Amino acid sequence: RHFDGLSAGTGDMTGDQLQQLLNGTRFGDGFSPELLEHLAGHARPGDFPPGMILFREGEVVHELHIVTAGRVALEMRVPGRGSVRLITVGRNELLAWSAFLRGGRMTATAIVLEPTQTVVLDALQLRDACERNHELGYQVLWKIAQGLSERLVNTRLQLLDLFAAPGTTKIPTPAALPSEKG
């Protein structure tokens, strides 16, 4: 199953309920009530079953997701190895931020691992709103930058774990690695 951008939802949710949902996320934390109302105007709830593909690597997507519950795997195609799981995303993390930042071409495939709820933001509408309301734009970009920073750290930690010497839990320092001089 593949998310088409239209089939997600947990029923009708009022603007106030969406504001409360957003306010309960790390992304929405710190927004003024006026900015939360504006943000909620570009949002809807998403409810996704295990196995659903939210988006595929290389696909153009126009929706940003804030995970409110559940877990989603991000995988990339690697020549000679097939699909490789890079990281697992959970509560309070962003998915498909590329939709907001650079035209929506996805750099990974997102596969729902367990029942997952998100706040789905229309990235095109939100980007237009941010261009008109610079305070909103500043807050949204700040939150995306925080999310990217956390993702980068988490990915680095996962890569360090992946490349740890077999049978050890300690990551070797560059000086402890074998040299190529032989």
N, C-alpha and C. Protein backbone atom coordinates (compact mmCIF):
# COMPACT_ATOMS: atom_id res chain seq x y z
N ARG A 1 0.83 -1.19 0.00
CA ARG A 1 0.00 0.00 0.00
C ARG A 1 0.86 1.23 0.00
N HIS A 2 0.43 2.24 -0.70
CA HIS A 2 1.19 3.48 -0.83
C HIS A 2 0.29 4.66 -0.48
N PHE A 3 0.80 5.57 0.33
CA PHE A 3 0.06 6.76 0.73
C PHE A 3 -0.08 7.67 -0.48
N ASP A 4 -1.32 8.07 -0.79
CA ASP A 4 -1.55 8.93 -1.95
C ASP A 4 -1.79 10.38 -1.56
N GLY A 5 -1.65 10.71 -0.28
CA GLY A 5 -1.84 12.08 0.16
C GLY A 5 -3.30 12.41 0.44
N LEU A 6 -4.20 11.54 0.07
CA LEU A 6 -5.62 11.83 0.24
C LEU A 6 -6.30 10.85 1.18
N SER A 7 -5.77 9.65 1.28
CA SER A 7 -6.49 8.59 2.00
C SER A 7 -6.24 8.58 3.50
N ALA A 8 -5.32 9.40 3.99
CA ALA A 8 -5.03 9.39 5.42
C ALA A 8 -6.04 10.22 6.17
N GLY A 9 -6.22 9.86 7.41
CA GLY A 9 -7.07 10.69 8.25
C GLY A 9 -7.63 9.90 9.40
N THR A 10 -7.95 10.62 10.44
CA THR A 10 -8.54 10.00 11.62
C THR A 10 -9.91 10.60 11.85
N GLY A 11 -10.60 10.92 10.77
CA GLY A 11 -11.91 11.53 10.90
C GLY A 11 -11.77 13.04 10.88
N ASP A 12 -12.88 13.70 11.09
CA ASP A 12 -12.86 15.15 11.11
C ASP A 12 -12.27 15.63 12.43
N MET A 13 -11.34 16.55 12.32
CA MET A 13 -10.72 17.12 13.50
C MET A 13 -10.86 18.63 13.37
N THR A 14 -11.28 19.28 14.43
CA THR A 14 -11.46 20.73 14.39
C THR A 14 -10.11 21.43 14.39
N GLY A 15 -10.12 22.70 14.04
CA GLY A 15 -8.91 23.50 14.08
C GLY A 15 -8.32 23.56 15.48
N ASP A 16 -9.20 23.67 16.50
CA ASP A 16 -8.72 23.70 17.89
C ASP A 16 -8.04 22.38 18.25
N GLN A 17 -8.61 21.26 17.80
CA GLN A 17 -8.01 19.96 18.10
C GLN A 17 -6.65 19.81 17.41
N LEU A 18 -6.55 20.30 16.17
CA LEU A 18 -5.27 20.26 15.46
C LEU A 18 -4.24 21.15 16.17
N GLN A 19 -4.68 22.31 16.65
CA GLN A 19 -3.77 23.19 17.39
C GLN A 19 -3.25 22.50 18.64
N GLN A 20 -4.15 21.82 19.36
CA GLN A 20 -3.73 21.09 20.56
C GLN A 20 -2.76 19.97 20.21
N LEU A 21 -3.05 19.26 19.12
CA LEU A 21 -2.17 18.18 18.68
C LEU A 21 -0.79 18.74 18.32
N LEU A 22 -0.76 19.83 17.57
CA LEU A 22 0.52 20.46 17.21
C LEU A 22 1.25 20.98 18.44
N ASN A 23 0.52 21.58 19.36
CA ASN A 23 1.13 22.13 20.57
C ASN A 23 1.75 21.03 21.42
N GLY A 24 1.25 19.80 21.30
CA GLY A 24 1.79 18.67 22.05
C GLY A 24 3.02 18.05 21.42
N THR A 25 3.47 18.60 20.30
CA THR A 25 4.68 18.08 19.64
C THR A 25 5.85 19.02 19.90
N ARG A 26 7.05 18.50 19.76
CA ARG A 26 8.24 19.34 19.88
C ARG A 26 8.24 20.40 18.78
N PHE A 27 7.70 20.05 17.62
CA PHE A 27 7.65 21.00 16.51
C PHE A 27 6.79 22.20 16.87
N GLY A 28 5.62 21.97 17.45
CA GLY A 28 4.69 23.05 17.77
C GLY A 28 5.00 23.79 19.06
N ASP A 29 5.86 23.20 19.89
CA ASP A 29 6.20 23.82 21.17
C ASP A 29 6.88 25.17 20.94
N GLY A 30 6.38 26.18 21.62
CA GLY A 30 6.98 27.51 21.51
C GLY A 30 6.30 28.42 20.51
N PHE A 31 5.40 27.88 19.68
CA PHE A 31 4.64 28.73 18.76
C PHE A 31 3.60 29.50 19.57
N SER A 32 3.38 30.74 19.20
CA SER A 32 2.32 31.52 19.83
C SER A 32 0.98 30.92 19.42
N PRO A 33 -0.10 31.18 20.18
CA PRO A 33 -1.42 30.66 19.80
C PRO A 33 -1.83 31.11 18.39
N GLU A 34 -1.45 32.32 17.99
CA GLU A 34 -1.79 32.81 16.65
C GLU A 34 -1.06 32.02 15.57
N LEU A 35 0.24 31.74 15.82
CA LEU A 35 1.00 30.98 14.83
C LEU A 35 0.56 29.52 14.79
N LEU A 36 0.20 28.96 15.95
CA LEU A 36 -0.33 27.59 15.97
C LEU A 36 -1.63 27.51 15.16
N GLU A 37 -2.47 28.53 15.29
CA GLU A 37 -3.72 28.56 14.52
C GLU A 37 -3.41 28.60 13.03
N HIS A 38 -2.42 29.41 12.67
CA HIS A 38 -2.02 29.52 11.26
C HIS A 38 -1.47 28.17 10.77
N LEU A 39 -0.63 27.55 11.59
CA LEU A 39 -0.04 26.26 11.23
C LEU A 39 -1.12 25.19 11.08
N ALA A 40 -2.07 25.18 12.00
CA ALA A 40 -3.17 24.20 11.95
C ALA A 40 -4.01 24.36 10.69
N GLY A 41 -4.04 25.57 10.14
CA GLY A 41 -4.79 25.81 8.91
C GLY A 41 -4.22 25.08 7.70
N HIS A 42 -2.99 24.60 7.82
CA HIS A 42 -2.33 23.87 6.72
C HIS A 42 -2.13 22.40 7.07
N ALA A 43 -2.84 21.94 8.12
CA ALA A 43 -2.60 20.59 8.65
C ALA A 43 -3.85 19.74 8.66
N ARG A 44 -3.61 18.44 8.70
CA ARG A 44 -4.68 17.47 8.91
C ARG A 44 -4.06 16.26 9.61
N PRO A 45 -4.86 15.47 10.29
CA PRO A 45 -4.30 14.28 10.93
C PRO A 45 -4.06 13.17 9.92
N GLY A 46 -3.06 12.36 10.18
CA GLY A 46 -2.79 11.19 9.36
C GLY A 46 -2.72 9.96 10.25
N ASP A 47 -3.29 8.86 9.79
CA ASP A 47 -3.33 7.61 10.54
C ASP A 47 -2.92 6.51 9.57
N PHE A 48 -1.79 5.84 9.83
CA PHE A 48 -1.22 4.92 8.86
C PHE A 48 -0.98 3.54 9.46
N PRO A 49 -1.38 2.47 8.75
CA PRO A 49 -1.18 1.11 9.24
C PRO A 49 0.24 0.62 8.94
N PRO A 50 0.69 -0.40 9.69
CA PRO A 50 2.00 -1.00 9.40
C PRO A 50 2.07 -1.48 7.95
N GLY A 51 3.23 -1.30 7.35
CA GLY A 51 3.44 -1.74 5.97
C GLY A 51 3.16 -0.67 4.94
N MET A 52 2.46 0.39 5.31
CA MET A 52 2.16 1.45 4.33
C MET A 52 3.44 2.21 3.99
N ILE A 53 3.61 2.48 2.72
CA ILE A 53 4.74 3.29 2.26
C ILE A 53 4.24 4.72 2.15
N LEU A 54 4.82 5.61 2.96
CA LEU A 54 4.41 7.01 2.94
C LEU A 54 4.94 7.73 1.71
N PHE A 55 6.16 7.41 1.34
CA PHE A 55 6.76 7.95 0.12
C PHE A 55 7.95 7.09 -0.26
N ARG A 56 8.33 7.19 -1.54
CA ARG A 56 9.46 6.41 -2.07
C ARG A 56 10.61 7.34 -2.44
N GLU A 57 11.79 6.81 -2.31
CA GLU A 57 13.00 7.52 -2.71
C GLU A 57 12.86 7.99 -4.15
N GLY A 58 13.16 9.27 -4.40
CA GLY A 58 13.09 9.84 -5.74
C GLY A 58 11.74 10.44 -6.09
N GLU A 59 10.71 10.09 -5.34
CA GLU A 59 9.35 10.58 -5.60
C GLU A 59 9.24 12.05 -5.15
N VAL A 60 8.43 12.81 -5.86
CA VAL A 60 8.15 14.19 -5.45
C VAL A 60 6.93 14.18 -4.54
N VAL A 61 7.09 14.74 -3.34
CA VAL A 61 6.05 14.75 -2.32
C VAL A 61 5.86 16.19 -1.85
N HIS A 62 4.62 16.54 -1.55
CA HIS A 62 4.32 17.91 -1.12
C HIS A 62 3.75 17.97 0.28
N GLU A 63 4.08 16.97 1.10
CA GLU A 63 3.58 16.94 2.46
C GLU A 63 4.70 16.64 3.44
N LEU A 64 4.68 17.39 4.52
CA LEU A 64 5.61 17.24 5.63
C LEU A 64 4.84 16.56 6.75
N HIS A 65 5.45 15.59 7.43
CA HIS A 65 4.79 14.87 8.51
C HIS A 65 5.51 15.14 9.83
N ILE A 66 4.73 15.34 10.88
CA ILE A 66 5.24 15.37 12.24
C ILE A 66 4.68 14.12 12.90
N VAL A 67 5.55 13.20 13.30
CA VAL A 67 5.09 11.95 13.90
C VAL A 67 4.60 12.24 15.32
N THR A 68 3.36 11.85 15.62
CA THR A 68 2.81 12.02 16.96
C THR A 68 2.75 10.69 17.72
N ALA A 69 2.77 9.59 17.02
CA ALA A 69 2.80 8.25 17.64
C ALA A 69 3.23 7.25 16.58
N GLY A 70 3.94 6.20 17.00
CA GLY A 70 4.35 5.15 16.07
C GLY A 70 5.79 5.28 15.63
N ARG A 71 6.14 4.44 14.65
CA ARG A 71 7.51 4.41 14.12
C ARG A 71 7.48 4.18 12.62
N VAL A 72 8.43 4.83 11.95
CA VAL A 72 8.55 4.74 10.50
C VAL A 72 10.03 4.52 10.15
N ALA A 73 10.31 3.54 9.29
CA ALA A 73 11.67 3.27 8.84
C ALA A 73 11.98 4.11 7.61
N LEU A 74 13.19 4.63 7.55
CA LEU A 74 13.67 5.31 6.35
C LEU A 74 14.74 4.43 5.72
N GLU A 75 14.53 4.10 4.45
CA GLU A 75 15.44 3.21 3.73
C GLU A 75 15.90 3.86 2.44
N MET A 76 17.12 3.51 2.02
CA MET A 76 17.68 3.98 0.74
C MET A 76 18.13 2.79 -0.08
N ARG A 77 18.05 2.96 -1.39
CA ARG A 77 18.61 1.95 -2.30
C ARG A 77 20.11 2.15 -2.37
N VAL A 78 20.83 1.06 -2.21
CA VAL A 78 22.28 1.09 -2.28
C VAL A 78 22.70 0.12 -3.38
N PRO A 79 23.43 0.60 -4.39
CA PRO A 79 23.85 -0.28 -5.47
C PRO A 79 24.58 -1.52 -4.93
N GLY A 80 24.15 -2.66 -5.40
CA GLY A 80 24.76 -3.91 -5.00
C GLY A 80 24.25 -4.47 -3.68
N ARG A 81 23.46 -3.68 -2.95
CA ARG A 81 22.96 -4.15 -1.65
C ARG A 81 21.44 -4.08 -1.55
N GLY A 82 20.82 -3.37 -2.46
CA GLY A 82 19.36 -3.23 -2.40
C GLY A 82 18.94 -2.16 -1.41
N SER A 83 17.81 -2.37 -0.77
CA SER A 83 17.27 -1.40 0.18
C SER A 83 17.94 -1.57 1.54
N VAL A 84 18.44 -0.46 2.09
CA VAL A 84 19.14 -0.48 3.38
C VAL A 84 18.45 0.49 4.33
N ARG A 85 18.09 0.00 5.52
CA ARG A 85 17.47 0.86 6.52
C ARG A 85 18.51 1.80 7.09
N LEU A 86 18.23 3.11 7.01
CA LEU A 86 19.14 4.11 7.53
C LEU A 86 18.85 4.44 8.98
N ILE A 87 17.56 4.62 9.28
CA ILE A 87 17.18 5.09 10.61
C ILE A 87 15.69 4.82 10.81
N THR A 88 15.28 4.76 12.05
CA THR A 88 13.87 4.64 12.39
C THR A 88 13.44 5.94 13.05
N VAL A 89 12.34 6.49 12.60
CA VAL A 89 11.82 7.77 13.07
C VAL A 89 10.61 7.50 13.96
N GLY A 90 10.52 8.26 15.06
CA GLY A 90 9.40 8.09 15.98
C GLY A 90 8.79 9.41 16.41
N ARG A 91 8.09 9.36 17.53
CA ARG A 91 7.35 10.51 18.05
C ARG A 91 8.20 11.78 18.06
N ASN A 92 7.58 12.87 17.63
CA ASN A 92 8.17 14.21 17.61
C ASN A 92 9.20 14.41 16.51
N GLU A 93 9.37 13.45 15.63
CA GLU A 93 10.33 13.63 14.56
C GLU A 93 9.62 14.00 13.26
N LEU A 94 10.38 14.63 12.37
CA LEU A 94 9.85 15.08 11.09
C LEU A 94 10.12 14.05 10.01
N LEU A 95 9.19 13.96 9.07
CA LEU A 95 9.34 13.12 7.88
C LEU A 95 9.05 13.99 6.67
N ALA A 96 9.80 13.78 5.63
CA ALA A 96 9.58 14.45 4.33
C ALA A 96 9.81 15.95 4.40
N TRP A 97 10.78 16.36 5.21
CA TRP A 97 11.08 17.79 5.27
C TRP A 97 11.58 18.32 3.94
N SER A 98 12.07 17.46 3.07
CA SER A 98 12.48 17.89 1.73
C SER A 98 11.33 18.51 0.95
N ALA A 99 10.11 18.12 1.27
CA ALA A 99 8.94 18.69 0.60
C ALA A 99 8.86 20.18 0.85
N PHE A 100 9.30 20.62 1.99
CA PHE A 100 9.27 22.04 2.33
C PHE A 100 10.51 22.77 1.81
N LEU A 101 11.66 22.12 1.87
CA LEU A 101 12.92 22.81 1.60
C LEU A 101 13.36 22.85 0.15
N ARG A 102 13.10 21.79 -0.60
CA ARG A 102 13.68 21.80 -1.95
C ARG A 102 12.84 21.05 -2.97
N GLY A 103 11.63 21.43 -3.05
CA GLY A 103 10.81 20.93 -4.14
C GLY A 103 10.22 19.55 -3.97
N GLY A 104 10.51 18.88 -2.90
CA GLY A 104 9.79 17.67 -2.60
C GLY A 104 10.35 16.36 -3.08
N ARG A 105 11.56 16.31 -3.65
CA ARG A 105 12.11 15.02 -4.09
C ARG A 105 12.67 14.29 -2.87
N MET A 106 12.13 13.12 -2.60
CA MET A 106 12.50 12.36 -1.42
C MET A 106 13.85 11.67 -1.60
N THR A 107 14.63 11.65 -0.52
CA THR A 107 15.95 11.03 -0.54
C THR A 107 15.94 9.63 0.06
N ALA A 108 14.77 9.19 0.56
CA ALA A 108 14.64 7.86 1.15
C ALA A 108 13.19 7.39 0.97
N THR A 109 12.97 6.12 1.26
CA THR A 109 11.63 5.53 1.28
C THR A 109 11.20 5.41 2.73
N ALA A 110 9.96 5.82 3.02
CA ALA A 110 9.43 5.76 4.39
C ALA A 110 8.39 4.65 4.49
N ILE A 111 8.64 3.67 5.37
CA ILE A 111 7.76 2.52 5.54
C ILE A 111 7.27 2.50 7.00
N VAL A 112 5.97 2.48 7.17
CA VAL A 112 5.37 2.46 8.51
C VAL A 112 5.63 1.10 9.14
N LEU A 113 6.18 1.10 10.37
CA LEU A 113 6.52 -0.14 11.07
C LEU A 113 5.44 -0.59 12.05
N GLU A 114 4.71 0.36 12.59
CA GLU A 114 3.64 0.06 13.55
C GLU A 114 2.58 1.14 13.37
N PRO A 115 1.39 0.94 13.89
CA PRO A 115 0.36 1.97 13.70
C PRO A 115 0.93 3.35 14.05
N THR A 116 0.81 4.27 13.12
CA THR A 116 1.46 5.57 13.24
C THR A 116 0.48 6.69 12.95
N GLN A 117 0.56 7.71 13.79
CA GLN A 117 -0.22 8.93 13.58
C GLN A 117 0.74 10.08 13.34
N THR A 118 0.36 10.93 12.41
CA THR A 118 1.16 12.12 12.12
C THR A 118 0.24 13.32 11.97
N VAL A 119 0.85 14.48 12.06
CA VAL A 119 0.21 15.70 11.59
C VAL A 119 0.78 15.90 10.20
N VAL A 120 -0.08 15.96 9.20
CA VAL A 120 0.33 16.11 7.81
C VAL A 120 0.17 17.59 7.44
N LEU A 121 1.26 18.21 7.05
CA LEU A 121 1.24 19.62 6.66
C LEU A 121 1.41 19.73 5.16
N ASP A 122 0.57 20.53 4.53
CA ASP A 122 0.71 20.81 3.10
C ASP A 122 1.92 21.72 2.94
N ALA A 123 3.02 21.18 2.46
CA ALA A 123 4.29 21.91 2.40
C ALA A 123 4.23 23.11 1.46
N LEU A 124 3.52 22.99 0.35
CA LEU A 124 3.45 24.11 -0.59
C LEU A 124 2.67 25.27 0.01
N GLN A 125 1.53 24.98 0.62
CA GLN A 125 0.74 26.03 1.27
C GLN A 125 1.51 26.63 2.43
N LEU A 126 2.17 25.78 3.21
CA LEU A 126 2.92 26.27 4.35
C LEU A 126 4.09 27.15 3.91
N ARG A 127 4.78 26.76 2.86
CA ARG A 127 5.89 27.58 2.36
C ARG A 127 5.38 28.94 1.89
N ASP A 128 4.24 28.97 1.19
CA ASP A 128 3.64 30.24 0.77
C ASP A 128 3.27 31.09 1.98
N ALA A 129 2.68 30.46 2.99
CA ALA A 129 2.30 31.19 4.21
C ALA A 129 3.53 31.75 4.91
N CYS A 130 4.62 30.99 4.91
CA CYS A 130 5.85 31.46 5.54
C CYS A 130 6.46 32.64 4.80
N GLU A 131 6.30 32.68 3.49
CA GLU A 131 6.80 33.82 2.71
C GLU A 131 5.99 35.08 3.00
N ARG A 132 4.71 34.90 3.30
CA ARG A 132 3.85 36.06 3.62
C ARG A 132 3.98 36.49 5.08
N ASN A 133 4.21 35.53 5.97
CA ASN A 133 4.29 35.82 7.40
C ASN A 133 5.68 35.42 7.87
N HIS A 134 6.56 36.39 7.97
CA HIS A 134 7.97 36.09 8.26
C HIS A 134 8.17 35.52 9.66
N GLU A 135 7.32 35.88 10.61
CA GLU A 135 7.43 35.29 11.95
C GLU A 135 7.14 33.79 11.88
N LEU A 136 6.09 33.42 11.14
CA LEU A 136 5.77 32.01 10.94
C LEU A 136 6.93 31.32 10.22
N GLY A 137 7.45 31.95 9.17
CA GLY A 137 8.56 31.38 8.41
C GLY A 137 9.78 31.13 9.27
N TYR A 138 10.10 32.10 10.13
CA TYR A 138 11.24 31.95 11.02
C TYR A 138 11.04 30.75 11.95
N GLN A 139 9.87 30.66 12.57
CA GLN A 139 9.59 29.57 13.51
C GLN A 139 9.62 28.21 12.81
N VAL A 140 9.00 28.12 11.64
CA VAL A 140 8.96 26.85 10.91
C VAL A 140 10.37 26.43 10.50
N LEU A 141 11.14 27.34 9.94
CA LEU A 141 12.51 26.99 9.52
C LEU A 141 13.38 26.64 10.73
N TRP A 142 13.20 27.33 11.84
CA TRP A 142 13.95 27.03 13.05
C TRP A 142 13.64 25.60 13.51
N LYS A 143 12.36 25.23 13.51
CA LYS A 143 11.97 23.88 13.94
C LYS A 143 12.48 22.82 12.96
N ILE A 144 12.45 23.11 11.68
CA ILE A 144 12.98 22.17 10.69
C ILE A 144 14.49 22.02 10.88
N ALA A 145 15.20 23.13 11.12
CA ALA A 145 16.64 23.07 11.35
C ALA A 145 16.96 22.24 12.59
N GLN A 146 16.18 22.40 13.66
CA GLN A 146 16.38 21.58 14.86
C GLN A 146 16.16 20.11 14.54
N GLY A 147 15.11 19.81 13.78
CA GLY A 147 14.83 18.43 13.39
C GLY A 147 15.94 17.83 12.55
N LEU A 148 16.47 18.62 11.62
CA LEU A 148 17.58 18.15 10.78
C LEU A 148 18.83 17.89 11.60
N SER A 149 19.11 18.77 12.54
CA SER A 149 20.27 18.61 13.40
C SER A 149 20.16 17.31 14.21
N GLU A 150 18.99 17.06 14.79
CA GLU A 150 18.78 15.83 15.55
C GLU A 150 18.90 14.61 14.65
N ARG A 151 18.35 14.69 13.44
CA ARG A 151 18.43 13.55 12.51
C ARG A 151 19.88 13.28 12.15
N LEU A 152 20.66 14.31 11.93
CA LEU A 152 22.06 14.15 11.58
C LEU A 152 22.82 13.46 12.72
N VAL A 153 22.61 13.90 13.94
CA VAL A 153 23.27 13.27 15.09
C VAL A 153 22.84 11.82 15.22
N ASN A 154 21.53 11.55 15.14
CA ASN A 154 21.04 10.17 15.26
C ASN A 154 21.59 9.27 14.15
N THR A 155 21.68 9.81 12.94
CA THR A 155 22.22 9.02 11.82
C THR A 155 23.70 8.74 12.04
N ARG A 156 24.44 9.73 12.51
CA ARG A 156 25.87 9.51 12.80
C ARG A 156 26.05 8.43 13.86
N LEU A 157 25.24 8.49 14.92
CA LEU A 157 25.34 7.48 15.97
C LEU A 157 25.02 6.09 15.42
N GLN A 158 24.02 6.01 14.56
CA GLN A 158 23.67 4.71 13.98
C GLN A 158 24.79 4.21 13.08
N LEU A 159 25.41 5.11 12.32
CA LEU A 159 26.52 4.70 11.46
C LEU A 159 27.72 4.25 12.29
N LEU A 160 27.98 4.95 13.39
CA LEU A 160 29.08 4.53 14.26
C LEU A 160 28.82 3.13 14.80
N ASP A 161 27.59 2.86 15.18
CA ASP A 161 27.23 1.55 15.67
C ASP A 161 27.38 0.50 14.57
N LEU A 162 26.99 0.86 13.36
CA LEU A 162 27.08 -0.06 12.23
C LEU A 162 28.52 -0.44 11.93
N PHE A 163 29.44 0.53 12.06
CA PHE A 163 30.83 0.27 11.71
C PHE A 163 31.70 -0.10 12.90
N ALA A 164 31.10 -0.34 14.07
CA ALA A 164 31.86 -0.79 15.24
C ALA A 164 32.45 -2.16 14.93
N ALA A 165 33.58 -2.43 15.51
CA ALA A 165 34.23 -3.73 15.31
C ALA A 165 33.30 -4.84 15.81
N PRO A 166 33.19 -5.96 15.09
CA PRO A 166 32.31 -7.06 15.52
C PRO A 166 32.65 -7.54 16.92
N GLY A 167 31.63 -7.78 17.72
CA GLY A 167 31.82 -8.30 19.07
C GLY A 167 32.15 -7.24 20.11
N THR A 168 32.20 -5.97 19.69
CA THR A 168 32.49 -4.90 20.65
C THR A 168 31.32 -3.94 20.70
N THR A 169 31.25 -3.23 21.77
CA THR A 169 30.23 -2.18 21.87
C THR A 169 30.89 -0.82 21.85
N LYS A 170 32.21 -0.81 21.90
CA LYS A 170 32.93 0.46 21.89
C LYS A 170 33.30 0.84 20.47
N ILE A 171 33.05 2.07 20.13
CA ILE A 171 33.39 2.57 18.79
C ILE A 171 34.89 2.90 18.79
N PRO A 172 35.66 2.37 17.83
CA PRO A 172 37.08 2.66 17.81
C PRO A 172 37.34 4.11 17.39
N THR A 173 38.37 4.70 17.96
CA THR A 173 38.78 6.04 17.54
C THR A 173 39.56 5.90 16.25
N PRO A 174 39.68 6.97 15.47
CA PRO A 174 40.45 6.86 14.21
C PRO A 174 41.87 6.35 14.43
N ALA A 175 42.51 6.73 15.55
CA ALA A 175 43.88 6.29 15.81
C ALA A 175 43.95 4.78 16.06
N ALA A 176 42.86 4.18 16.56
CA ALA A 176 42.85 2.75 16.87
C ALA A 176 42.56 1.89 15.67
N LEU A 177 42.13 2.49 14.57
CA LEU A 177 41.82 1.72 13.37
C LEU A 177 43.11 1.28 12.69
N PRO A 178 43.10 0.11 12.04
CA PRO A 178 44.31 -0.35 11.35
C PRO A 178 44.70 0.63 10.26
N SER A 179 45.99 0.84 10.14
CA SER A 179 46.45 1.75 9.07
C SER A 179 46.54 0.98 7.77
N GLU A 180 46.62 1.70 6.69
CA GLU A 180 46.72 1.07 5.37
C GLU A 180 48.17 0.83 4.97
N LYS A 181 49.12 1.22 5.84
CA LYS A 181 50.53 1.07 5.48
C LYS A 181 50.98 -0.38 5.52
N GLY A 182 50.34 -1.19 6.33
CA GLY A 182 50.55 -2.59 6.31
C GLY A 182 51.76 -3.12 6.90
